[in-house]
Amino acid sequence: MKIAISIPDDLFSKVERFSRKSRISRSEVFARAVEEFFEKRQSWELLEAVNRACDLAEDPAEAKLRSRARKRYAKILSEEPY
């Protein structure tokens, strides 16, 4: 599909130089750039979702279990000969 876009002259010059040097069309440069943009955006959206999940308040039962596990493993480690 053909489209028309407006970009700053200096960006066009960079694309033009890269296109010639890499022997790929300007269209391919823009297509790859847009594809990469969406891949990065998807990664950022996933990271934000993970961060939101981690920001949720901890379940009291989980906190208690984690505390008991820490104490247990600390005891095990303290009995290990180093």
PDB file of N, CA and C in Angstrom:
ATOM      1  N   MET A   1       0.844  -1.170   0.000  1.00  0.00           N
ATOM      2  CA  MET A   1       0.000   0.000   0.000  1.00  0.00           C
ATOM      3  C   MET A   1       0.892   1.237   0.000  1.00  0.00           C
ATOM      4  N   LYS A   2       0.531   2.205  -0.784  1.00  0.00           N
ATOM      5  CA  LYS A   2       1.284   3.453  -0.830  1.00  0.00           C
ATOM      6  C   LYS A   2       0.634   4.464   0.108  1.00  0.00           C
ATOM      7  N   ILE A   3       1.503   5.234   0.783  1.00  0.00           N
ATOM      8  CA  ILE A   3       1.026   6.313   1.645  1.00  0.00           C
ATOM      9  C   ILE A   3       1.923   7.521   1.424  1.00  0.00           C
ATOM     10  N   ALA A   4       1.459   8.657   1.865  1.00  0.00           N
ATOM     11  CA  ALA A   4       2.273   9.877   1.828  1.00  0.00           C
ATOM     12  C   ALA A   4       2.438  10.348   3.258  1.00  0.00           C
ATOM     13  N   ILE A   5       3.688  10.623   3.650  1.00  0.00           N
ATOM     14  CA  ILE A   5       3.953  11.134   4.992  1.00  0.00           C
ATOM     15  C   ILE A   5       4.856  12.353   4.888  1.00  0.00           C
ATOM     16  N   SER A   6       4.829  13.163   5.926  1.00  0.00           N
ATOM     17  CA  SER A   6       5.723  14.317   6.005  1.00  0.00           C
ATOM     18  C   SER A   6       6.723  14.061   7.118  1.00  0.00           C
ATOM     19  N   ILE A   7       8.007  14.234   6.813  1.00  0.00           N
ATOM     20  CA  ILE A   7       9.065  14.075   7.805  1.00  0.00           C
ATOM     21  C   ILE A   7      10.043  15.225   7.651  1.00  0.00           C
ATOM     22  N   PRO A   8      10.780  15.530   8.712  1.00  0.00           N
ATOM     23  CA  PRO A   8      11.775  16.599   8.621  1.00  0.00           C
ATOM     24  C   PRO A   8      12.854  16.257   7.589  1.00  0.00           C
ATOM     25  N   ASP A   9      13.402  17.296   6.965  1.00  0.00           N
ATOM     26  CA  ASP A   9      14.421  17.111   5.930  1.00  0.00           C
ATOM     27  C   ASP A   9      15.624  16.316   6.419  1.00  0.00           C
ATOM     28  N   ASP A  10      16.083  16.593   7.654  1.00  0.00           N
ATOM     29  CA  ASP A  10      17.263  15.890   8.147  1.00  0.00           C
ATOM     30  C   ASP A  10      16.991  14.393   8.338  1.00  0.00           C
ATOM     31  N   LEU A  11      15.776  14.043   8.746  1.00  0.00           N
ATOM     32  CA  LEU A  11      15.422  12.632   8.873  1.00  0.00           C
ATOM     33  C   LEU A  11      15.350  11.967   7.502  1.00  0.00           C
ATOM     34  N   PHE A  12      14.799  12.672   6.539  1.00  0.00           N
ATOM     35  CA  PHE A  12      14.749  12.132   5.176  1.00  0.00           C
ATOM     36  C   PHE A  12      16.161  11.875   4.651  1.00  0.00           C
ATOM     37  N   SER A  13      17.076  12.794   4.927  1.00  0.00           N
ATOM     38  CA  SER A  13      18.463  12.630   4.477  1.00  0.00           C
ATOM     39  C   SER A  13      19.099  11.394   5.109  1.00  0.00           C
ATOM     40  N   LYS A  14      18.847  11.185   6.389  1.00  0.00           N
ATOM     41  CA  LYS A  14      19.380  10.002   7.068  1.00  0.00           C
ATOM     42  C   LYS A  14      18.827   8.720   6.445  1.00  0.00           C
ATOM     43  N   VAL A  15      17.539   8.712   6.177  1.00  0.00           N
ATOM     44  CA  VAL A  15      16.904   7.538   5.566  1.00  0.00           C
ATOM     45  C   VAL A  15      17.481   7.311   4.173  1.00  0.00           C
ATOM     46  N   GLU A  16      17.634   8.380   3.430  1.00  0.00           N
ATOM     47  CA  GLU A  16      18.176   8.286   2.071  1.00  0.00           C
ATOM     48  C   GLU A  16      19.589   7.697   2.083  1.00  0.00           C
ATOM     49  N   ARG A  17      20.449   8.209   2.976  1.00  0.00           N
ATOM     50  CA  ARG A  17      21.820   7.695   3.076  1.00  0.00           C
ATOM     51  C   ARG A  17      21.830   6.220   3.495  1.00  0.00           C
ATOM     52  N   PHE A  18      21.042   5.903   4.482  1.00  0.00           N
ATOM     53  CA  PHE A  18      20.977   4.524   4.957  1.00  0.00           C
ATOM     54  C   PHE A  18      20.460   3.594   3.865  1.00  0.00           C
ATOM     55  N   SER A  19      19.458   4.051   3.163  1.00  0.00           N
ATOM     56  CA  SER A  19      18.864   3.267   2.082  1.00  0.00           C
ATOM     57  C   SER A  19      19.907   2.946   1.008  1.00  0.00           C
ATOM     58  N   ARG A  20      20.654   3.941   0.593  1.00  0.00           N
ATOM     59  CA  ARG A  20      21.690   3.730  -0.432  1.00  0.00           C
ATOM     60  C   ARG A  20      22.789   2.806   0.082  1.00  0.00           C
ATOM     61  N   LYS A  21      23.252   3.071   1.302  1.00  0.00           N
ATOM     62  CA  LYS A  21      24.343   2.290   1.889  1.00  0.00           C
ATOM     63  C   LYS A  21      23.933   0.828   2.074  1.00  0.00           C
ATOM     64  N   SER A  22      22.712   0.601   2.485  1.00  0.00           N
ATOM     65  CA  SER A  22      22.232  -0.752   2.767  1.00  0.00           C
ATOM     66  C   SER A  22      21.634  -1.449   1.554  1.00  0.00           C
ATOM     67  N   ARG A  23      21.457  -0.678   0.488  1.00  0.00           N
ATOM     68  CA  ARG A  23      20.863  -1.208  -0.745  1.00  0.00           C
ATOM     69  C   ARG A  23      19.468  -1.789  -0.529  1.00  0.00           C
ATOM     70  N   ILE A  24      18.702  -1.031   0.248  1.00  0.00           N
ATOM     71  CA  ILE A  24      17.288  -1.361   0.393  1.00  0.00           C
ATOM     72  C   ILE A  24      16.484  -0.103   0.103  1.00  0.00           C
ATOM     73  N   SER A  25      15.259  -0.277  -0.287  1.00  0.00           N
ATOM     74  CA  SER A  25      14.442   0.883  -0.653  1.00  0.00           C
ATOM     75  C   SER A  25      14.075   1.706   0.581  1.00  0.00           C
ATOM     76  N   ARG A  26      13.761   2.966   0.338  1.00  0.00           N
ATOM     77  CA  ARG A  26      13.280   3.820   1.444  1.00  0.00           C
ATOM     78  C   ARG A  26      12.025   3.222   2.042  1.00  0.00           C
ATOM     79  N   SER A  27      11.168   2.695   1.197  1.00  0.00           N
ATOM     80  CA  SER A  27       9.933   2.074   1.699  1.00  0.00           C
ATOM     81  C   SER A  27      10.242   0.956   2.683  1.00  0.00           C
ATOM     82  N   GLU A  28      11.251   0.150   2.352  1.00  0.00           N
ATOM     83  CA  GLU A  28      11.641  -0.944   3.241  1.00  0.00           C
ATOM     84  C   GLU A  28      12.196  -0.409   4.556  1.00  0.00           C
ATOM     85  N   VAL A  29      12.958   0.672   4.498  1.00  0.00           N
ATOM     86  CA  VAL A  29      13.479   1.300   5.722  1.00  0.00           C
ATOM     87  C   VAL A  29      12.322   1.716   6.619  1.00  0.00           C
ATOM     88  N   PHE A  30      11.349   2.399   6.049  1.00  0.00           N
ATOM     89  CA  PHE A  30      10.203   2.842   6.847  1.00  0.00           C
ATOM     90  C   PHE A  30       9.379   1.665   7.347  1.00  0.00           C
ATOM     91  N   ALA A  31       9.178   0.657   6.527  1.00  0.00           N
ATOM     92  CA  ALA A  31       8.403  -0.514   6.939  1.00  0.00           C
ATOM     93  C   ALA A  31       9.089  -1.215   8.116  1.00  0.00           C
ATOM     94  N   ARG A  32      10.410  -1.376   8.022  1.00  0.00           N
ATOM     95  CA  ARG A  32      11.141  -2.015   9.118  1.00  0.00           C
ATOM     96  C   ARG A  32      11.093  -1.173  10.387  1.00  0.00           C
ATOM     97  N   ALA A  33      11.202   0.129  10.223  1.00  0.00           N
ATOM     98  CA  ALA A  33      11.167   1.024  11.387  1.00  0.00           C
ATOM     99  C   ALA A  33       9.814   0.966  12.088  1.00  0.00           C
ATOM    100  N   VAL A  34       8.752   0.945  11.314  1.00  0.00           N
ATOM    101  CA  VAL A  34       7.409   0.888  11.905  1.00  0.00           C
ATOM    102  C   VAL A  34       7.210  -0.453  12.597  1.00  0.00           C
ATOM    103  N   GLU A  35       7.668  -1.527  11.971  1.00  0.00           N
ATOM    104  CA  GLU A  35       7.563  -2.860  12.572  1.00  0.00           C
ATOM    105  C   GLU A  35       8.308  -2.904  13.900  1.00  0.00           C
ATOM    106  N   GLU A  36       9.525  -2.361  13.919  1.00  0.00           N
ATOM    107  CA  GLU A  36      10.311  -2.327  15.147  1.00  0.00           C
ATOM    108  C   GLU A  36       9.628  -1.477  16.215  1.00  0.00           C
ATOM    109  N   PHE A  37       9.023  -0.369  15.802  1.00  0.00           N
ATOM    110  CA  PHE A  37       8.295   0.494  16.736  1.00  0.00           C
ATOM    111  C   PHE A  37       7.197  -0.294  17.439  1.00  0.00           C
ATOM    112  N   PHE A  38       6.416  -1.058  16.670  1.00  0.00           N
ATOM    113  CA  PHE A  38       5.323  -1.810  17.265  1.00  0.00           C
ATOM    114  C   PHE A  38       5.818  -2.963  18.134  1.00  0.00           C
ATOM    115  N   GLU A  39       6.934  -3.586  17.762  1.00  0.00           N
ATOM    116  CA  GLU A  39       7.509  -4.635  18.602  1.00  0.00           C
ATOM    117  C   GLU A  39       7.953  -4.065  19.942  1.00  0.00           C
ATOM    118  N   LYS A  40       8.617  -2.906  19.914  1.00  0.00           N
ATOM    119  CA  LYS A  40       9.060  -2.270  21.160  1.00  0.00           C
ATOM    120  C   LYS A  40       7.867  -1.843  21.999  1.00  0.00           C
ATOM    121  N   ARG A  41       6.855  -1.313  21.336  1.00  0.00           N
ATOM    122  CA  ARG A  41       5.661  -0.882  22.074  1.00  0.00           C
ATOM    123  C   ARG A  41       5.002  -2.065  22.765  1.00  0.00           C
ATOM    124  N   GLN A  42       4.933  -3.192  22.067  1.00  0.00           N
ATOM    125  CA  GLN A  42       4.346  -4.393  22.658  1.00  0.00           C
ATOM    126  C   GLN A  42       5.169  -4.834  23.871  1.00  0.00           C
ATOM    127  N   SER A  43       6.485  -4.755  23.768  1.00  0.00           N
ATOM    128  CA  SER A  43       7.346  -5.112  24.889  1.00  0.00           C
ATOM    129  C   SER A  43       7.111  -4.173  26.071  1.00  0.00           C
ATOM    130  N   TRP A  44       6.981  -2.879  25.785  1.00  0.00           N
ATOM    131  CA  TRP A  44       6.729  -1.912  26.859  1.00  0.00           C
ATOM    132  C   TRP A  44       5.382  -2.166  27.512  1.00  0.00           C
ATOM    133  N   GLU A  45       4.369  -2.496  26.719  1.00  0.00           N
ATOM    134  CA  GLU A  45       3.046  -2.778  27.275  1.00  0.00           C
ATOM    135  C   GLU A  45       3.092  -4.002  28.187  1.00  0.00           C
ATOM    136  N   LEU A  46       3.843  -5.025  27.776  1.00  0.00           N
ATOM    137  CA  LEU A  46       3.997  -6.211  28.612  1.00  0.00           C
ATOM    138  C   LEU A  46       4.727  -5.869  29.901  1.00  0.00           C
ATOM    139  N   LEU A  47       5.806  -5.091  29.797  1.00  0.00           N
ATOM    140  CA  LEU A  47       6.544  -4.675  30.984  1.00  0.00           C
ATOM    141  C   LEU A  47       5.661  -3.877  31.935  1.00  0.00           C
ATOM    142  N   GLU A  48       4.858  -2.976  31.402  1.00  0.00           N
ATOM    143  CA  GLU A  48       3.949  -2.191  32.245  1.00  0.00           C
ATOM    144  C   GLU A  48       2.936  -3.088  32.943  1.00  0.00           C
ATOM    145  N   ALA A  49       2.429  -4.111  32.243  1.00  0.00           N
ATOM    146  CA  ALA A  49       1.478  -5.045  32.850  1.00  0.00           C
ATOM    147  C   ALA A  49       2.137  -5.823  33.986  1.00  0.00           C
ATOM    148  N   VAL A  50       3.375  -6.255  33.761  1.00  0.00           N
ATOM    149  CA  VAL A  50       4.103  -6.976  34.813  1.00  0.00           C
ATOM    150  C   VAL A  50       4.333  -6.050  36.005  1.00  0.00           C
ATOM    151  N   ASN A  51       4.730  -4.815  35.741  1.00  0.00           N
ATOM    152  CA  ASN A  51       4.959  -3.861  36.835  1.00  0.00           C
ATOM    153  C   ASN A  51       3.678  -3.599  37.615  1.00  0.00           C
ATOM    154  N   ARG A  52       2.550  -3.476  36.911  1.00  0.00           N
ATOM    155  CA  ARG A  52       1.273  -3.271  37.618  1.00  0.00           C
ATOM    156  C   ARG A  52       0.956  -4.471  38.502  1.00  0.00           C
ATOM    157  N   ALA A  53       1.197  -5.669  37.992  1.00  0.00           N
ATOM    158  CA  ALA A  53       0.932  -6.874  38.779  1.00  0.00           C
ATOM    159  C   ALA A  53       1.825  -6.926  40.013  1.00  0.00           C
ATOM    160  N   CYS A  54       3.071  -6.503  39.867  1.00  0.00           N
ATOM    161  CA  CYS A  54       4.002  -6.515  41.000  1.00  0.00           C
ATOM    162  C   CYS A  54       3.667  -5.441  42.027  1.00  0.00           C
ATOM    163  N   ASP A  55       2.975  -4.401  41.603  1.00  0.00           N
ATOM    164  CA  ASP A  55       2.627  -3.310  42.511  1.00  0.00           C
ATOM    165  C   ASP A  55       1.404  -3.627  43.377  1.00  0.00           C
ATOM    166  N   LEU A  56       0.726  -4.720  43.058  1.00  0.00           N
ATOM    167  CA  LEU A  56      -0.457  -5.071  43.836  1.00  0.00           C
ATOM    168  C   LEU A  56      -0.050  -5.401  45.268  1.00  0.00           C
ATOM    169  N   ALA A  57      -0.955  -5.128  46.187  1.00  0.00           N
ATOM    170  CA  ALA A  57      -0.674  -5.416  47.591  1.00  0.00           C
ATOM    171  C   ALA A  57      -0.474  -6.920  47.784  1.00  0.00           C
ATOM    172  N   GLU A  58       0.479  -7.259  48.626  1.00  0.00           N
ATOM    173  CA  GLU A  58       0.785  -8.667  48.854  1.00  0.00           C
ATOM    174  C   GLU A  58      -0.293  -9.308  49.716  1.00  0.00           C
ATOM    175  N   ASP A  59      -0.674 -10.502  49.350  1.00  0.00           N
ATOM    176  CA  ASP A  59      -1.640 -11.292  50.113  1.00  0.00           C
ATOM    177  C   ASP A  59      -1.017 -11.623  51.466  1.00  0.00           C
ATOM    178  N   PRO A  60      -1.729 -11.422  52.564  1.00  0.00           N
ATOM    179  CA  PRO A  60      -1.167 -11.714  53.897  1.00  0.00           C
ATOM    180  C   PRO A  60      -0.692 -13.166  54.036  1.00  0.00           C
ATOM    181  N   ALA A  61      -1.410 -14.099  53.442  1.00  0.00           N
ATOM    182  CA  ALA A  61      -1.001 -15.505  53.523  1.00  0.00           C
ATOM    183  C   ALA A  61       0.331 -15.713  52.808  1.00  0.00           C
ATOM    184  N   GLU A  62       0.519 -15.038  51.678  1.00  0.00           N
ATOM    185  CA  GLU A  62       1.798 -15.135  50.955  1.00  0.00           C
ATOM    186  C   GLU A  62       2.932 -14.555  51.796  1.00  0.00           C
ATOM    187  N   ALA A  63       2.666 -13.425  52.425  1.00  0.00           N
ATOM    188  CA  ALA A  63       3.692 -12.782  53.249  1.00  0.00           C
ATOM    189  C   ALA A  63       4.097 -13.699  54.399  1.00  0.00           C
ATOM    190  N   LYS A  64       3.129 -14.341  55.028  1.00  0.00           N
ATOM    191  CA  LYS A  64       3.408 -15.242  56.141  1.00  0.00           C
ATOM    192  C   LYS A  64       4.218 -16.445  55.661  1.00  0.00           C
ATOM    193  N   LEU A  65       3.822 -17.029  54.533  1.00  0.00           N
ATOM    194  CA  LEU A  65       4.525 -18.179  53.975  1.00  0.00           C
ATOM    195  C   LEU A  65       5.967 -17.806  53.610  1.00  0.00           C
ATOM    196  N   ARG A  66       6.140 -16.649  52.987  1.00  0.00           N
ATOM    197  CA  ARG A  66       7.474 -16.200  52.599  1.00  0.00           C
ATOM    198  C   ARG A  66       8.351 -15.978  53.824  1.00  0.00           C
ATOM    199  N   SER A  67       7.784 -15.429  54.878  1.00  0.00           N
ATOM    200  CA  SER A  67       8.527 -15.186  56.107  1.00  0.00           C
ATOM    201  C   SER A  67       8.971 -16.503  56.735  1.00  0.00           C
ATOM    202  N   ARG A  68       8.069 -17.482  56.774  1.00  0.00           N
ATOM    203  CA  ARG A  68       8.415 -18.789  57.334  1.00  0.00           C
ATOM    204  C   ARG A  68       9.496 -19.470  56.489  1.00  0.00           C
ATOM    205  N   ALA A  69       9.395 -19.344  55.176  1.00  0.00           N
ATOM    206  CA  ALA A  69      10.387 -19.956  54.288  1.00  0.00           C
ATOM    207  C   ALA A  69      11.755 -19.328  54.506  1.00  0.00           C
ATOM    208  N   ARG A  70      11.806 -18.024  54.662  1.00  0.00           N
ATOM    209  CA  ARG A  70      13.084 -17.341  54.909  1.00  0.00           C
ATOM    210  C   ARG A  70      13.735 -17.853  56.196  1.00  0.00           C
ATOM    211  N   LYS A  71      12.915 -17.970  57.240  1.00  0.00           N
ATOM    212  CA  LYS A  71      13.445 -18.442  58.521  1.00  0.00           C
ATOM    213  C   LYS A  71      13.962 -19.873  58.382  1.00  0.00           C
ATOM    214  N   ARG A  72      13.213 -20.700  57.678  1.00  0.00           N
ATOM    215  CA  ARG A  72      13.601 -22.094  57.491  1.00  0.00           C
ATOM    216  C   ARG A  72      14.930 -22.192  56.742  1.00  0.00           C
ATOM    217  N   TYR A  73      15.033 -21.463  55.625  1.00  0.00           N
ATOM    218  CA  TYR A  73      16.257 -21.525  54.829  1.00  0.00           C
ATOM    219  C   TYR A  73      17.430 -20.883  55.555  1.00  0.00           C
ATOM    220  N   ALA A  74      17.176 -19.877  56.365  1.00  0.00           N
ATOM    221  CA  ALA A  74      18.245 -19.262  57.154  1.00  0.00           C
ATOM    222  C   ALA A  74      18.783 -20.277  58.158  1.00  0.00           C
ATOM    223  N   LYS A  75      17.864 -21.046  58.756  1.00  0.00           N
ATOM    224  CA  LYS A  75      18.292 -22.072  59.715  1.00  0.00           C
ATOM    225  C   LYS A  75      19.118 -23.148  59.013  1.00  0.00           C
ATOM    226  N   ILE A  76      18.642 -23.590  57.851  1.00  0.00           N
ATOM    227  CA  ILE A  76      19.371 -24.610  57.075  1.00  0.00           C
ATOM    228  C   ILE A  76      20.771 -24.120  56.726  1.00  0.00           C
ATOM    229  N   LEU A  77      20.855 -22.875  56.262  1.00  0.00           N
ATOM    230  CA  LEU A  77      22.155 -22.313  55.877  1.00  0.00           C
ATOM    231  C   LEU A  77      23.083 -22.140  57.074  1.00  0.00           C
ATOM    232  N   SER A  78      22.497 -21.798  58.216  1.00  0.00           N
ATOM    233  CA  SER A  78      23.341 -21.593  59.398  1.00  0.00           C
ATOM    234  C   SER A  78      23.943 -22.901  59.884  1.00  0.00           C
ATOM    235  N   GLU A  79      23.327 -24.020  59.547  1.00  0.00           N
ATOM    236  CA  GLU A  79      23.832 -25.333  59.952  1.00  0.00           C
ATOM    237  C   GLU A  79      24.836 -25.911  58.960  1.00  0.00           C
ATOM    238  N   GLU A  80      24.988 -25.270  57.819  1.00  0.00           N
ATOM    239  CA  GLU A  80      25.919 -25.738  56.786  1.00  0.00           C
ATOM    240  C   GLU A  80      27.350 -25.394  57.185  1.00  0.00           C
ATOM    241  N   PRO A  81      28.258 -26.352  57.076  1.00  0.00           N
ATOM    242  CA  PRO A  81      29.675 -26.032  57.352  1.00  0.00           C
ATOM    243  C   PRO A  81      30.298 -25.319  56.164  1.00  0.00           C
ATOM    244  N   TYR A  82      30.856 -24.182  56.395  1.00  0.00           N
ATOM    245  CA  TYR A  82      31.486 -23.418  55.302  1.00  0.00           C
ATOM    246  C   TYR A  82      32.977 -23.420  55.467  1.00  0.00           C
TER     247      TYR A  82
END
